[in-house]
Amino acid sequence: MLFYELVGWRSTVAGFSLDTEINPFDSNLFFKQWSVGATYVVFSKCAKLVDRAANTESLLKLFNENKRYLKSRGDLVDIDSKELTAITKVLDESAALDFRHTVIAHNGPAKMISWEEADSCMRAICRAWALLTMWLESSALLPFEPYKSVYDGLDGFFAPKEIRAMKAAQDEYLEKVMIWCTCSFVTGQRIGSRAPFLSSITVSIESSAIQS
C-alpha cells in the first residue's frame, strides 16, 4: 500500500508540474500549501521504503533479506548479481532518506534536491518492489486509478486543455513506473513478460453457435 501511495502522489505532482497560463501554485495559498505538503509526503513515503533502521520493516530491509531467494527463482524473476548490487547501492544512498531526516524530521536547513534525484531513488524502489512482488506471484489491478480523479473540479483554475495535459502527464509518469518495474535496472531492457500490476483490463468475449 505504501508503494502505491508513493507512486500515486508522485504521478500527481508530475501532472501539476506542467506550465499553465495561470499558475495558482505561485499565487494561491492553498495550492502553495498543497505543493509543500505533497513534496513532504513523497519524500517521507520514499524514505520509509528505504529506511535502514534495524527496527523497521522497510522495502530495503525486505529486499536485502530475500536477495538469495530472488536469484534462485529464475522461473519467476530474471535478475543477476550486477542488478541486485546496483539497486541496493541506490537504495542505500537515497537522498530522499537524508531529506526526510534533515528537513522533515528534525527541521534542519533545507537541502536542495531535485525531482530528478528523487526519481533516481524511485526507479530503484520500483524495480526492487516489482521483483519482490513477482517473486511472490502477486499483482494488483489498476492500483493507481483513484489518483486519476485528482484533477477533477479544477476548472476554475485551469483551462480544459491544461487539465487534459495534466492527466496525460500523470499517465506518462505511470507508464514510466511500469517500465522501471519491468526493465533491468542496469541495462534498461525489458526482462520477461511478467508485471507486478495491471494498468488496464482487456475483455475478450467469444460467441459460439448454439445448435439445437
Protein backbone atom coordinates (compact mmCIF):
# COMPACT_ATOMS: atom_id res chain seq x y z
CA MET A 1 0.00 0.00 0.00
CA LEU A 2 2.83 2.41 0.84
CA PHE A 3 4.35 1.86 -2.60
CA TYR A 4 1.04 2.55 -4.35
CA GLU A 5 0.55 5.73 -2.32
CA LEU A 6 4.06 6.91 -3.16
CA VAL A 7 3.58 6.38 -6.89
CA GLY A 8 0.10 7.92 -6.79
CA TRP A 9 1.34 11.11 -5.11
CA ARG A 10 4.43 11.39 -7.29
CA SER A 11 2.42 10.95 -10.50
CA THR A 12 0.02 13.65 -9.32
CA VAL A 13 2.91 16.03 -8.72
CA ALA A 14 4.18 15.25 -12.22
CA GLY A 15 0.85 16.38 -13.66
CA PHE A 16 0.83 19.62 -11.69
CA SER A 17 4.40 20.39 -12.77
CA LEU A 18 3.30 21.49 -16.24
CA ASP A 19 3.43 25.15 -17.20
CA THR A 20 -0.03 26.73 -17.30
CA GLU A 21 -1.37 30.15 -18.26
CA ILE A 22 -2.30 30.90 -14.66
CA ASN A 23 -0.22 29.15 -12.02
CA PRO A 24 -2.14 29.03 -8.70
CA PHE A 25 0.87 27.38 -7.06
CA ASP A 26 2.56 30.80 -7.21
CA SER A 27 -0.36 32.95 -6.07
CA ASN A 28 -2.89 30.86 -4.12
CA LEU A 29 -2.05 29.96 -0.50
CA PHE A 30 -3.98 26.68 -0.62
CA PHE A 31 -2.10 25.48 -3.69
CA LYS A 32 1.21 26.60 -2.19
CA GLN A 33 0.50 24.61 0.96
CA TRP A 34 -0.59 21.60 -1.09
CA SER A 35 2.65 21.73 -3.09
CA VAL A 36 4.78 21.77 0.06
CA GLY A 37 2.67 19.05 1.65
CA ALA A 38 2.81 16.84 -1.44
CA THR A 39 6.58 17.19 -1.58
CA TYR A 40 6.88 16.17 2.07
CA VAL A 41 4.53 13.21 1.53
CA VAL A 42 6.51 11.91 -1.45
CA PHE A 43 9.86 12.16 0.32
CA SER A 44 8.50 10.75 3.59
CA LYS A 45 6.99 7.69 1.92
CA CYS A 46 10.10 7.22 -0.19
CA ALA A 47 12.26 7.42 2.94
CA LYS A 48 10.09 4.88 4.77
CA LEU A 49 10.65 2.40 1.97
CA VAL A 50 14.45 2.79 2.08
CA ASP A 51 14.84 3.18 5.85
CA ARG A 52 17.97 1.43 7.10
CA ALA A 53 16.97 1.29 10.79
CA ALA A 54 17.15 -2.19 12.32
CA ASN A 55 13.66 -1.98 13.82
CA THR A 56 11.89 -1.09 10.58
CA GLU A 57 10.12 -3.31 8.05
CA SER A 58 11.17 -1.26 5.03
CA LEU A 59 11.34 -2.33 1.41
CA LEU A 60 15.13 -2.09 1.59
CA LYS A 61 15.23 -4.49 4.54
CA LEU A 62 12.93 -7.00 2.81
CA PHE A 63 14.93 -6.72 -0.39
CA ASN A 64 18.22 -7.37 1.38
CA GLU A 65 16.77 -10.32 3.31
CA ASN A 66 15.40 -12.00 0.19
CA LYS A 67 18.11 -11.40 -2.40
CA ARG A 68 19.26 -15.01 -2.42
CA TYR A 69 15.70 -16.24 -2.97
CA LEU A 70 15.21 -13.85 -5.88
CA LYS A 71 18.30 -15.23 -7.58
CA SER A 72 17.16 -18.82 -7.02
CA ARG A 73 13.73 -18.36 -8.65
CA GLY A 74 14.71 -17.86 -12.27
CA ASP A 75 11.30 -19.15 -13.33
CA LEU A 76 9.63 -16.13 -11.73
CA VAL A 77 12.31 -13.44 -11.59
CA ASP A 78 15.11 -12.84 -14.08
CA ILE A 79 17.85 -10.96 -12.23
CA ASP A 80 21.62 -11.20 -11.82
CA SER A 81 24.09 -10.14 -9.14
CA LYS A 82 25.03 -6.96 -11.01
CA GLU A 83 21.48 -5.66 -10.97
CA LEU A 84 20.97 -6.63 -7.32
CA THR A 85 24.11 -4.72 -6.36
CA ALA A 86 23.13 -1.64 -8.39
CA ILE A 87 19.63 -1.48 -6.87
CA THR A 88 20.93 -1.90 -3.32
CA LYS A 89 23.55 0.84 -3.81
CA VAL A 90 20.97 3.42 -4.91
CA LEU A 91 18.56 2.49 -2.12
CA ASP A 92 21.34 2.68 0.48
CA GLU A 93 22.43 6.13 -0.69
CA SER A 94 18.95 7.61 -1.10
CA ALA A 95 18.85 11.40 -0.99
CA ALA A 96 15.17 11.10 -0.02
CA LEU A 97 16.11 9.47 3.29
CA ASP A 98 18.58 12.26 4.09
CA PHE A 99 15.96 14.88 3.18
CA ARG A 100 13.38 13.25 5.48
CA HIS A 101 15.83 13.03 8.39
CA THR A 102 17.26 16.54 7.99
CA VAL A 103 14.36 18.69 6.86
CA ILE A 104 11.14 16.90 7.80
CA ALA A 105 12.03 15.03 10.98
CA HIS A 106 14.50 17.48 12.54
CA ASN A 107 13.52 20.79 10.89
CA GLY A 108 17.08 21.30 9.74
CA PRO A 109 18.24 23.59 6.94
CA ALA A 110 16.61 22.82 3.62
CA LYS A 111 18.73 20.75 1.27
CA MET A 112 18.48 21.34 -2.44
CA ILE A 113 17.17 18.19 -4.10
CA SER A 114 15.55 17.88 -7.49
CA TRP A 115 12.71 15.68 -8.63
CA GLU A 116 15.24 14.02 -10.95
CA GLU A 117 17.23 12.93 -7.89
CA ALA A 118 14.05 11.70 -6.24
CA ASP A 119 13.13 9.75 -9.36
CA SER A 120 16.53 8.05 -9.34
CA CYS A 121 15.54 6.57 -6.00
CA MET A 122 12.00 5.95 -7.25
CA ARG A 123 13.37 3.88 -10.13
CA ALA A 124 15.30 1.64 -7.72
CA ILE A 125 12.27 1.38 -5.41
CA CYS A 126 10.04 0.39 -8.32
CA ARG A 127 12.38 -2.32 -9.51
CA ALA A 128 13.02 -3.72 -6.03
CA TRP A 129 9.31 -3.74 -5.20
CA ALA A 130 8.44 -5.32 -8.56
CA LEU A 131 11.00 -8.10 -8.15
CA LEU A 132 9.67 -8.99 -4.71
CA THR A 133 6.06 -8.82 -5.91
CA MET A 134 6.69 -11.02 -8.94
CA TRP A 135 8.68 -13.46 -6.80
CA LEU A 136 5.64 -13.75 -4.52
CA GLU A 137 3.48 -14.26 -7.62
CA SER A 138 1.10 -11.46 -6.69
CA SER A 139 -0.14 -8.46 -8.65
CA ALA A 140 -2.61 -5.60 -8.33
CA LEU A 141 -5.29 -4.47 -10.74
CA LEU A 142 -5.42 -0.73 -11.53
CA PRO A 143 -3.81 0.31 -8.21
CA PHE A 144 -3.40 3.96 -9.24
CA GLU A 145 -6.91 4.53 -10.59
CA PRO A 146 -8.12 6.57 -7.55
CA TYR A 147 -5.39 9.16 -8.12
CA LYS A 148 -6.58 9.89 -11.65
CA SER A 149 -9.57 11.88 -10.35
CA VAL A 150 -7.37 14.40 -8.52
CA TYR A 151 -7.59 16.96 -11.35
CA ASP A 152 -11.40 16.92 -11.49
CA GLY A 153 -13.14 20.07 -10.29
CA LEU A 154 -10.24 22.40 -11.07
CA ASP A 155 -11.94 24.14 -13.99
CA GLY A 156 -11.90 27.44 -12.13
CA PHE A 157 -8.09 27.42 -12.02
CA PHE A 158 -7.04 25.69 -15.24
CA ALA A 159 -8.28 25.60 -18.81
CA PRO A 160 -9.82 22.30 -20.01
CA LYS A 161 -6.86 21.65 -22.31
CA GLU A 162 -4.48 22.19 -19.39
CA ILE A 163 -6.35 19.68 -17.24
CA ARG A 164 -6.21 17.18 -20.09
CA ALA A 165 -2.47 17.79 -20.37
CA MET A 166 -2.05 17.22 -16.60
CA LYS A 167 -3.88 13.91 -16.82
CA ALA A 168 -1.71 12.93 -19.79
CA ALA A 169 1.45 13.83 -17.84
CA GLN A 170 0.24 11.70 -14.93
CA ASP A 171 -0.41 8.77 -17.27
CA GLU A 172 3.03 9.25 -18.79
CA TYR A 173 4.63 9.05 -15.36
CA LEU A 174 2.67 5.91 -14.51
CA GLU A 175 3.84 4.34 -17.76
CA LYS A 176 7.39 5.23 -16.73
CA VAL A 177 6.80 3.43 -13.44
CA MET A 178 5.72 0.32 -15.32
CA ILE A 179 8.94 0.48 -17.35
CA TRP A 180 11.03 0.87 -14.18
CA CYS A 181 9.27 -2.14 -12.69
CA THR A 182 9.69 -4.49 -15.63
CA CYS A 183 13.05 -3.46 -17.10
CA SER A 184 16.56 -4.20 -15.87
CA PHE A 185 17.91 -1.53 -13.54
CA VAL A 186 21.30 -1.89 -15.26
CA THR A 187 20.55 -2.25 -18.97
CA GLY A 188 17.07 -0.74 -19.18
CA GLN A 189 15.95 -3.70 -21.29
CA ARG A 190 12.58 -5.37 -20.73
CA ILE A 191 13.00 -8.68 -18.91
CA GLY A 192 10.34 -11.36 -19.26
CA SER A 193 6.62 -10.86 -19.71
CA ARG A 194 5.58 -10.70 -16.06
CA ALA A 195 4.39 -7.45 -14.46
CA PRO A 196 3.62 -6.57 -10.82
CA PHE A 197 0.40 -4.74 -11.64
CA LEU A 198 -2.04 -4.24 -14.49
CA SER A 199 -2.77 -0.74 -15.76
CA SER A 200 -5.70 -1.77 -17.95
CA ILE A 201 -8.21 -4.55 -18.50
CA THR A 202 -8.84 -6.30 -21.77
CA VAL A 203 -12.02 -8.33 -22.03
CA SER A 204 -12.48 -10.81 -24.83
CA ILE A 205 -15.89 -12.40 -25.40
CA GLU A 206 -16.19 -15.25 -27.80
CA SER A 207 -19.53 -16.13 -29.29
CA SER A 208 -20.38 -19.66 -30.16
CA ALA A 209 -23.21 -21.01 -32.22
CA ILE A 210 -25.78 -22.96 -30.30
CA GLN A 211 -27.02 -25.93 -32.21
CA SER A 212 -30.36 -27.36 -31.37
